[in-house]
């Protein structure tokens, strides 16, 4: 089963490789707090999602660490807009 990660889509960036979401959480903890527990690794396929009382949607994504100086070392997820799925 693919790991689902809560994502803040207001924190998305775009570069030559695609769209990146940088505020990621799992069970209300940052990914840095649960890296070992979840067995996270660069290139890991995941699903990133957003949900509130009105809507829920998700994208397929690949985990990686940011190389940008501002976000250096932070877990990020690169996603393709074409994988968008509205849940509700």
PDB file of N, CA and C in Angstrom:
ATOM      1  N   UNK A   1       0.846  -1.180   0.000  1.00  0.00           N
ATOM      2  CA  UNK A   1       0.000   0.000   0.000  1.00  0.00           C
ATOM      3  C   UNK A   1       0.895   1.249   0.000  1.00  0.00           C
ATOM      4  N   UNK A   2       0.550   2.213  -0.800  1.00  0.00           N
ATOM      5  CA  UNK A   2       1.322   3.450  -0.911  1.00  0.00           C
ATOM      6  C   UNK A   2       1.030   4.364   0.269  1.00  0.00           C
ATOM      7  N   UNK A   3       2.082   4.913   0.842  1.00  0.00           N
ATOM      8  CA  UNK A   3       1.967   5.820   1.983  1.00  0.00           C
ATOM      9  C   UNK A   3       1.261   7.106   1.564  1.00  0.00           C
ATOM     10  N   UNK A   4       0.277   7.543   2.357  1.00  0.00           N
ATOM     11  CA  UNK A   4      -0.433   8.810   2.113  1.00  0.00           C
ATOM     12  C   UNK A   4       0.109   9.857   3.076  1.00  0.00           C
ATOM     13  N   UNK A   5       0.456  11.005   2.549  1.00  0.00           N
ATOM     14  CA  UNK A   5       1.058  12.089   3.324  1.00  0.00           C
ATOM     15  C   UNK A   5       0.226  13.349   3.156  1.00  0.00           C
ATOM     16  N   UNK A   6      -0.095  13.954   4.277  1.00  0.00           N
ATOM     17  CA  UNK A   6      -0.861  15.203   4.290  1.00  0.00           C
ATOM     18  C   UNK A   6       0.026  16.332   3.776  1.00  0.00           C
ATOM     19  N   UNK A   7      -0.476  17.114   2.833  1.00  0.00           N
ATOM     20  CA  UNK A   7       0.318  18.161   2.199  1.00  0.00           C
ATOM     21  C   UNK A   7      -0.397  19.509   2.258  1.00  0.00           C
ATOM     22  N   UNK A   8       0.385  20.545   2.490  1.00  0.00           N
ATOM     23  CA  UNK A   8      -0.121  21.914   2.433  1.00  0.00           C
ATOM     24  C   UNK A   8       0.172  22.435   1.033  1.00  0.00           C
ATOM     25  N   UNK A   9      -0.827  22.450   0.170  1.00  0.00           N
ATOM     26  CA  UNK A   9      -0.619  22.829  -1.219  1.00  0.00           C
ATOM     27  C   UNK A   9      -0.394  24.331  -1.400  1.00  0.00           C
ATOM     28  N   UNK A  10      -0.523  25.102  -0.341  1.00  0.00           N
ATOM     29  CA  UNK A  10      -0.157  26.520  -0.399  1.00  0.00           C
ATOM     30  C   UNK A  10       1.356  26.692  -0.356  1.00  0.00           C
ATOM     31  N   UNK A  11       2.078  25.616  -0.069  1.00  0.00           N
ATOM     32  CA  UNK A  11       3.536  25.683   0.031  1.00  0.00           C
ATOM     33  C   UNK A  11       4.215  25.128  -1.215  1.00  0.00           C
ATOM     34  N   UNK A  12       3.529  25.062  -2.335  1.00  0.00           N
ATOM     35  CA  UNK A  12       4.093  24.466  -3.544  1.00  0.00           C
ATOM     36  C   UNK A  12       5.042  25.413  -4.263  1.00  0.00           C
ATOM     37  N   UNK A  13       6.057  24.808  -4.855  1.00  0.00           N
ATOM     38  CA  UNK A  13       7.048  25.514  -5.659  1.00  0.00           C
ATOM     39  C   UNK A  13       7.102  24.839  -7.016  1.00  0.00           C
ATOM     40  N   UNK A  14       7.604  25.546  -8.007  1.00  0.00           N
ATOM     41  CA  UNK A  14       7.790  24.957  -9.326  1.00  0.00           C
ATOM     42  C   UNK A  14       9.208  25.212  -9.773  1.00  0.00           C
ATOM     43  N   UNK A  15       9.854  24.184 -10.343  1.00  0.00           N
ATOM     44  CA  UNK A  15      11.166  24.357 -10.950  1.00  0.00           C
ATOM     45  C   UNK A  15      11.185  23.577 -12.262  1.00  0.00           C
ATOM     46  N   UNK A  16      12.348  23.413 -12.851  1.00  0.00           N
ATOM     47  CA  UNK A  16      12.438  22.748 -14.149  1.00  0.00           C
ATOM     48  C   UNK A  16      12.038  21.276 -14.093  1.00  0.00           C
ATOM     49  N   UNK A  17      11.999  20.678 -12.902  1.00  0.00           N
ATOM     50  CA  UNK A  17      11.637  19.268 -12.765  1.00  0.00           C
ATOM     51  C   UNK A  17      10.166  19.063 -12.436  1.00  0.00           C
ATOM     52  N   UNK A  18       9.420  20.141 -12.167  1.00  0.00           N
ATOM     53  CA  UNK A  18       8.001  20.001 -11.891  1.00  0.00           C
ATOM     54  C   UNK A  18       7.547  20.770 -10.675  1.00  0.00           C
ATOM     55  N   UNK A  19       6.426  20.342 -10.113  1.00  0.00           N
ATOM     56  CA  UNK A  19       5.843  20.976  -8.935  1.00  0.00           C
ATOM     57  C   UNK A  19       6.281  20.218  -7.683  1.00  0.00           C
ATOM     58  N   UNK A  20       6.582  20.974  -6.636  1.00  0.00           N
ATOM     59  CA  UNK A  20       7.036  20.410  -5.367  1.00  0.00           C
ATOM     60  C   UNK A  20       6.181  20.947  -4.233  1.00  0.00           C
ATOM     61  N   UNK A  21       5.820  20.089  -3.327  1.00  0.00           N
ATOM     62  CA  UNK A  21       5.108  20.486  -2.123  1.00  0.00           C
ATOM     63  C   UNK A  21       6.065  20.290  -0.955  1.00  0.00           C
ATOM     64  N   UNK A  22       6.237  21.326  -0.131  1.00  0.00           N
ATOM     65  CA  UNK A  22       7.278  21.242   0.890  1.00  0.00           C
ATOM     66  C   UNK A  22       6.775  21.182   2.328  1.00  0.00           C
ATOM     67  N   UNK A  23       5.517  21.359   2.583  1.00  0.00           N
ATOM     68  CA  UNK A  23       4.989  21.234   3.951  1.00  0.00           C
ATOM     69  C   UNK A  23       4.221  19.931   4.033  1.00  0.00           C
ATOM     70  N   UNK A  24       4.916  18.891   4.486  1.00  0.00           N
ATOM     71  CA  UNK A  24       4.364  17.542   4.500  1.00  0.00           C
ATOM     72  C   UNK A  24       4.294  17.019   5.923  1.00  0.00           C
ATOM     73  N   UNK A  25       3.203  16.303   6.227  1.00  0.00           N
ATOM     74  CA  UNK A  25       3.020  15.759   7.575  1.00  0.00           C
ATOM     75  C   UNK A  25       2.414  14.359   7.477  1.00  0.00           C
ATOM     76  N   UNK A  26       2.684  13.569   8.490  1.00  0.00           N
ATOM     77  CA  UNK A  26       2.076  12.252   8.598  1.00  0.00           C
ATOM     78  C   UNK A  26       1.619  12.076  10.041  1.00  0.00           C
ATOM     79  N   UNK A  27       0.335  11.839  10.221  1.00  0.00           N
ATOM     80  CA  UNK A  27      -0.235  11.733  11.577  1.00  0.00           C
ATOM     81  C   UNK A  27       0.155  12.924  12.461  1.00  0.00           C
ATOM     82  N   UNK A  28       0.059  14.112  11.874  1.00  0.00           N
ATOM     83  CA  UNK A  28       0.300  15.384  12.565  1.00  0.00           C
ATOM     84  C   UNK A  28       1.752  15.600  12.998  1.00  0.00           C
ATOM     85  N   UNK A  29       2.676  14.865  12.399  1.00  0.00           N
ATOM     86  CA  UNK A  29       4.115  15.057  12.652  1.00  0.00           C
ATOM     87  C   UNK A  29       4.804  15.370  11.336  1.00  0.00           C
ATOM     88  N   UNK A  30       5.898  16.147  11.401  1.00  0.00           N
ATOM     89  CA  UNK A  30       6.666  16.414  10.187  1.00  0.00           C
ATOM     90  C   UNK A  30       7.333  15.126   9.731  1.00  0.00           C
ATOM     91  N   UNK A  31       7.676  15.066   8.454  1.00  0.00           N
ATOM     92  CA  UNK A  31       8.337  13.867   7.946  1.00  0.00           C
ATOM     93  C   UNK A  31       9.700  13.658   8.596  1.00  0.00           C
ATOM     94  N   UNK A  32      10.381  14.743   8.951  1.00  0.00           N
ATOM     95  CA  UNK A  32      11.671  14.604   9.637  1.00  0.00           C
ATOM     96  C   UNK A  32      11.509  13.876  10.966  1.00  0.00           C
ATOM     97  N   UNK A  33      10.366  14.045  11.611  1.00  0.00           N
ATOM     98  CA  UNK A  33      10.118  13.400  12.902  1.00  0.00           C
ATOM     99  C   UNK A  33       9.818  11.907  12.779  1.00  0.00           C
ATOM    100  N   UNK A  34       9.423  11.462  11.601  1.00  0.00           N
ATOM    101  CA  UNK A  34       9.049  10.049  11.459  1.00  0.00           C
ATOM    102  C   UNK A  34       9.749   9.359  10.283  1.00  0.00           C
ATOM    103  N   UNK A  35      10.891   9.874   9.853  1.00  0.00           N
ATOM    104  CA  UNK A  35      11.626   9.298   8.722  1.00  0.00           C
ATOM    105  C   UNK A  35      11.958   7.830   8.937  1.00  0.00           C
ATOM    106  N   UNK A  36      12.590   7.521  10.056  1.00  0.00           N
ATOM    107  CA  UNK A  36      12.985   6.126  10.312  1.00  0.00           C
ATOM    108  C   UNK A  36      11.780   5.226  10.500  1.00  0.00           C
ATOM    109  N   UNK A  37      10.823   5.679  11.272  1.00  0.00           N
ATOM    110  CA  UNK A  37       9.613   4.889  11.548  1.00  0.00           C
ATOM    111  C   UNK A  37       8.900   4.488  10.257  1.00  0.00           C
ATOM    112  N   UNK A  38       8.838   5.403   9.291  1.00  0.00           N
ATOM    113  CA  UNK A  38       8.137   5.152   8.029  1.00  0.00           C
ATOM    114  C   UNK A  38       9.041   4.566   6.950  1.00  0.00           C
ATOM    115  N   UNK A  39      10.354   4.554   7.194  1.00  0.00           N
ATOM    116  CA  UNK A  39      11.296   4.033   6.201  1.00  0.00           C
ATOM    117  C   UNK A  39      11.377   4.897   4.960  1.00  0.00           C
ATOM    118  N   UNK A  40      11.304   6.218   5.140  1.00  0.00           N
ATOM    119  CA  UNK A  40      11.317   7.141   3.999  1.00  0.00           C
ATOM    120  C   UNK A  40      12.682   7.145   3.313  1.00  0.00           C
ATOM    121  N   UNK A  41      12.664   7.336   1.992  1.00  0.00           N
ATOM    122  CA  UNK A  41      13.905   7.431   1.222  1.00  0.00           C
ATOM    123  C   UNK A  41      13.674   8.296  -0.011  1.00  0.00           C
ATOM    124  N   UNK A  42      14.763   8.897  -0.510  1.00  0.00           N
ATOM    125  CA  UNK A  42      14.678   9.693  -1.732  1.00  0.00           C
ATOM    126  C   UNK A  42      14.187   8.795  -2.867  1.00  0.00           C
ATOM    127  N   UNK A  43      13.222   9.285  -3.623  1.00  0.00           N
ATOM    128  CA  UNK A  43      12.675   8.527  -4.741  1.00  0.00           C
ATOM    129  C   UNK A  43      11.497   7.637  -4.376  1.00  0.00           C
ATOM    130  N   UNK A  44      11.077   7.671  -3.117  1.00  0.00           N
ATOM    131  CA  UNK A  44       9.963   6.833  -2.660  1.00  0.00           C
ATOM    132  C   UNK A  44       8.639   7.335  -3.243  1.00  0.00           C
ATOM    133  N   UNK A  45       7.852   6.446  -3.875  1.00  0.00           N
ATOM    134  CA  UNK A  45       6.532   6.863  -4.360  1.00  0.00           C
ATOM    135  C   UNK A  45       5.561   6.980  -3.185  1.00  0.00           C
ATOM    136  N   UNK A  46       4.802   8.066  -3.166  1.00  0.00           N
ATOM    137  CA  UNK A  46       3.814   8.332  -2.119  1.00  0.00           C
ATOM    138  C   UNK A  46       2.586   8.968  -2.762  1.00  0.00           C
ATOM    139  N   UNK A  47       1.546   9.121  -1.978  1.00  0.00           N
ATOM    140  CA  UNK A  47       0.379   9.902  -2.375  1.00  0.00           C
ATOM    141  C   UNK A  47       0.314  11.085  -1.422  1.00  0.00           C
ATOM    142  N   UNK A  48       0.229  12.295  -1.970  1.00  0.00           N
ATOM    143  CA  UNK A  48       0.052  13.474  -1.123  1.00  0.00           C
ATOM    144  C   UNK A  48      -1.394  13.924  -1.258  1.00  0.00           C
ATOM    145  N   UNK A  49      -1.969  14.360  -0.136  1.00  0.00           N
ATOM    146  CA  UNK A  49      -3.394  14.673  -0.160  1.00  0.00           C
ATOM    147  C   UNK A  49      -3.704  15.901   0.676  1.00  0.00           C
ATOM    148  N   UNK A  50      -4.866  16.439   0.421  1.00  0.00           N
ATOM    149  CA  UNK A  50      -5.433  17.538   1.210  1.00  0.00           C
ATOM    150  C   UNK A  50      -6.862  17.153   1.539  1.00  0.00           C
ATOM    151  N   UNK A  51      -7.279  17.452   2.774  1.00  0.00           N
ATOM    152  CA  UNK A  51      -8.683  17.256   3.113  1.00  0.00           C
ATOM    153  C   UNK A  51      -9.119  18.245   4.177  1.00  0.00           C
ATOM    154  N   UNK A  52     -10.349  18.679   4.049  1.00  0.00           N
ATOM    155  CA  UNK A  52     -11.028  19.462   5.076  1.00  0.00           C
ATOM    156  C   UNK A  52     -12.482  19.032   5.039  1.00  0.00           C
ATOM    157  N   UNK A  53     -13.347  19.746   5.739  1.00  0.00           N
ATOM    158  CA  UNK A  53     -14.744  19.318   5.801  1.00  0.00           C
ATOM    159  C   UNK A  53     -15.479  19.448   4.468  1.00  0.00           C
ATOM    160  N   UNK A  54     -14.936  20.230   3.530  1.00  0.00           N
ATOM    161  CA  UNK A  54     -15.619  20.447   2.254  1.00  0.00           C
ATOM    162  C   UNK A  54     -15.044  19.674   1.075  1.00  0.00           C
ATOM    163  N   UNK A  55     -13.757  19.370   1.115  1.00  0.00           N
ATOM    164  CA  UNK A  55     -13.152  18.712  -0.036  1.00  0.00           C
ATOM    165  C   UNK A  55     -11.976  17.835   0.365  1.00  0.00           C
ATOM    166  N   UNK A  56     -11.650  16.924  -0.540  1.00  0.00           N
ATOM    167  CA  UNK A  56     -10.480  16.076  -0.389  1.00  0.00           C
ATOM    168  C   UNK A  56      -9.977  15.738  -1.785  1.00  0.00           C
ATOM    169  N   UNK A  57      -8.653  15.842  -1.983  1.00  0.00           N
ATOM    170  CA  UNK A  57      -8.056  15.471  -3.252  1.00  0.00           C
ATOM    171  C   UNK A  57      -6.644  14.956  -3.011  1.00  0.00           C
ATOM    172  N   UNK A  58      -6.074  14.306  -4.035  1.00  0.00           N
ATOM    173  CA  UNK A  58      -4.744  13.725  -3.894  1.00  0.00           C
ATOM    174  C   UNK A  58      -4.010  13.707  -5.231  1.00  0.00           C
ATOM    175  N   UNK A  59      -2.689  13.506  -5.137  1.00  0.00           N
ATOM    176  CA  UNK A  59      -1.801  13.375  -6.292  1.00  0.00           C
ATOM    177  C   UNK A  59      -0.805  12.259  -6.003  1.00  0.00           C
ATOM    178  N   UNK A  60      -0.333  11.586  -7.039  1.00  0.00           N
ATOM    179  CA  UNK A  60       0.818  10.703  -6.914  1.00  0.00           C
ATOM    180  C   UNK A  60       2.051  11.586  -6.857  1.00  0.00           C
ATOM    181  N   UNK A  61       3.039  11.190  -6.051  1.00  0.00           N
ATOM    182  CA  UNK A  61       4.230  12.018  -5.883  1.00  0.00           C
ATOM    183  C   UNK A  61       5.451  11.148  -5.584  1.00  0.00           C
ATOM    184  N   UNK A  62       6.616  11.763  -5.668  1.00  0.00           N
ATOM    185  CA  UNK A  62       7.890  11.123  -5.354  1.00  0.00           C
ATOM    186  C   UNK A  62       8.578  11.970  -4.287  1.00  0.00           C
ATOM    187  N   UNK A  63       9.018  11.319  -3.198  1.00  0.00           N
ATOM    188  CA  UNK A  63       9.721  12.043  -2.132  1.00  0.00           C
ATOM    189  C   UNK A  63      11.158  12.336  -2.518  1.00  0.00           C
ATOM    190  N   UNK A  64      11.654  13.444  -2.019  1.00  0.00           N
ATOM    191  CA  UNK A  64      13.051  13.810  -2.206  1.00  0.00           C
ATOM    192  C   UNK A  64      13.412  14.927  -1.255  1.00  0.00           C
ATOM    193  N   UNK A  65      14.710  15.198  -1.153  1.00  0.00           N
ATOM    194  CA  UNK A  65      15.174  16.306  -0.327  1.00  0.00           C
ATOM    195  C   UNK A  65      15.430  17.518  -1.212  1.00  0.00           C
ATOM    196  N   UNK A  66      15.070  18.675  -0.707  1.00  0.00           N
ATOM    197  CA  UNK A  66      15.258  19.907  -1.456  1.00  0.00           C
ATOM    198  C   UNK A  66      16.741  20.227  -1.596  1.00  0.00           C
ATOM    199  N   UNK A  67      17.113  20.720  -2.781  1.00  0.00           N
ATOM    200  CA  UNK A  67      18.475  21.195  -3.007  1.00  0.00           C
ATOM    201  C   UNK A  67      18.539  22.713  -2.974  1.00  0.00           C
ATOM    202  N   UNK A  68      17.374  23.351  -2.916  1.00  0.00           N
ATOM    203  CA  UNK A  68      17.303  24.807  -2.845  1.00  0.00           C
ATOM    204  C   UNK A  68      17.859  25.277  -1.508  1.00  0.00           C
ATOM    205  N   UNK A  69      18.666  26.312  -1.528  1.00  0.00           N
ATOM    206  CA  UNK A  69      19.312  26.805  -0.313  1.00  0.00           C
ATOM    207  C   UNK A  69      18.292  27.152   0.771  1.00  0.00           C
ATOM    208  N   UNK A  70      17.183  27.763   0.380  1.00  0.00           N
ATOM    209  CA  UNK A  70      16.178  28.171   1.364  1.00  0.00           C
ATOM    210  C   UNK A  70      15.539  26.975   2.068  1.00  0.00           C
ATOM    211  N   UNK A  71      15.333  25.879   1.345  1.00  0.00           N
ATOM    212  CA  UNK A  71      14.639  24.703   1.882  1.00  0.00           C
ATOM    213  C   UNK A  71      15.600  23.536   2.117  1.00  0.00           C
ATOM    214  N   UNK A  72      16.898  23.769   2.124  1.00  0.00           N
ATOM    215  CA  UNK A  72      17.927  22.728   2.150  1.00  0.00           C
ATOM    216  C   UNK A  72      17.621  21.599   3.134  1.00  0.00           C
ATOM    217  N   UNK A  73      17.634  20.385   2.619  1.00  0.00           N
ATOM    218  CA  UNK A  73      17.496  19.200   3.440  1.00  0.00           C
ATOM    219  C   UNK A  73      16.079  18.844   3.846  1.00  0.00           C
ATOM    220  N   UNK A  74      15.107  19.645   3.499  1.00  0.00           N
ATOM    221  CA  UNK A  74      13.721  19.389   3.885  1.00  0.00           C
ATOM    222  C   UNK A  74      13.099  18.352   2.943  1.00  0.00           C
ATOM    223  N   UNK A  75      12.299  17.448   3.497  1.00  0.00           N
ATOM    224  CA  UNK A  75      11.546  16.524   2.655  1.00  0.00           C
ATOM    225  C   UNK A  75      10.561  17.308   1.800  1.00  0.00           C
ATOM    226  N   UNK A  76      10.517  16.936   0.533  1.00  0.00           N
ATOM    227  CA  UNK A  76       9.575  17.543  -0.397  1.00  0.00           C
ATOM    228  C   UNK A  76       8.979  16.425  -1.243  1.00  0.00           C
ATOM    229  N   UNK A  77       7.875  16.701  -1.885  1.00  0.00           N
ATOM    230  CA  UNK A  77       7.246  15.719  -2.763  1.00  0.00           C
ATOM    231  C   UNK A  77       7.001  16.355  -4.123  1.00  0.00           C
ATOM    232  N   UNK A  78       7.578  15.739  -5.173  1.00  0.00           N
ATOM    233  CA  UNK A  78       7.363  16.210  -6.542  1.00  0.00           C
ATOM    234  C   UNK A  78       6.141  15.479  -7.089  1.00  0.00           C
ATOM    235  N   UNK A  79       5.185  16.257  -7.607  1.00  0.00           N
ATOM    236  CA  UNK A  79       3.955  15.639  -8.118  1.00  0.00           C
ATOM    237  C   UNK A  79       3.639  16.136  -9.515  1.00  0.00           C
ATOM    238  N   UNK A  80       2.900  15.306 -10.231  1.00  0.00           N
ATOM    239  CA  UNK A  80       2.447  15.636 -11.574  1.00  0.00           C
ATOM    240  C   UNK A  80       0.987  16.076 -11.506  1.00  0.00           C
ATOM    241  N   UNK A  81       0.690  17.215 -12.107  1.00  0.00           N
ATOM    242  CA  UNK A  81      -0.692  17.700 -12.108  1.00  0.00           C
ATOM    243  C   UNK A  81      -1.659  16.712 -12.756  1.00  0.00           C
ATOM    244  N   UNK A  82      -1.164  15.913 -13.691  1.00  0.00           N
ATOM    245  CA  UNK A  82      -2.035  14.969 -14.404  1.00  0.00           C
ATOM    246  C   UNK A  82      -2.526  13.823 -13.514  1.00  0.00           C
ATOM    247  N   UNK A  83      -1.936  13.658 -12.308  1.00  0.00           N
ATOM    248  CA  UNK A  83      -2.361  12.571 -11.415  1.00  0.00           C
ATOM    249  C   UNK A  83      -3.418  13.025 -10.414  1.00  0.00           C
ATOM    250  N   UNK A  84      -3.926  14.238 -10.567  1.00  0.00           N
ATOM    251  CA  UNK A  84      -4.940  14.786  -9.662  1.00  0.00           C
ATOM    252  C   UNK A  84      -6.163  13.881  -9.592  1.00  0.00           C
ATOM    253  N   UNK A  85      -6.607  13.620  -8.361  1.00  0.00           N
ATOM    254  CA  UNK A  85      -7.838  12.862  -8.141  1.00  0.00           C
ATOM    255  C   UNK A  85      -8.652  13.557  -7.054  1.00  0.00           C
ATOM    256  N   UNK A  86      -9.888  13.915  -7.394  1.00  0.00           N
ATOM    257  CA  UNK A  86     -10.796  14.506  -6.401  1.00  0.00           C
ATOM    258  C   UNK A  86     -11.503  13.357  -5.691  1.00  0.00           C
ATOM    259  N   UNK A  87     -11.405  13.347  -4.373  1.00  0.00           N
ATOM    260  CA  UNK A  87     -12.057  12.313  -3.574  1.00  0.00           C
ATOM    261  C   UNK A  87     -13.471  12.770  -3.221  1.00  0.00           C
ATOM    262  N   UNK A  88     -13.577  14.032  -2.802  1.00  0.00           N
ATOM    263  CA  UNK A  88     -14.899  14.624  -2.535  1.00  0.00           C
ATOM    264  C   UNK A  88     -14.806  16.127  -2.666  1.00  0.00           C
TER     265      UNK A  88
END
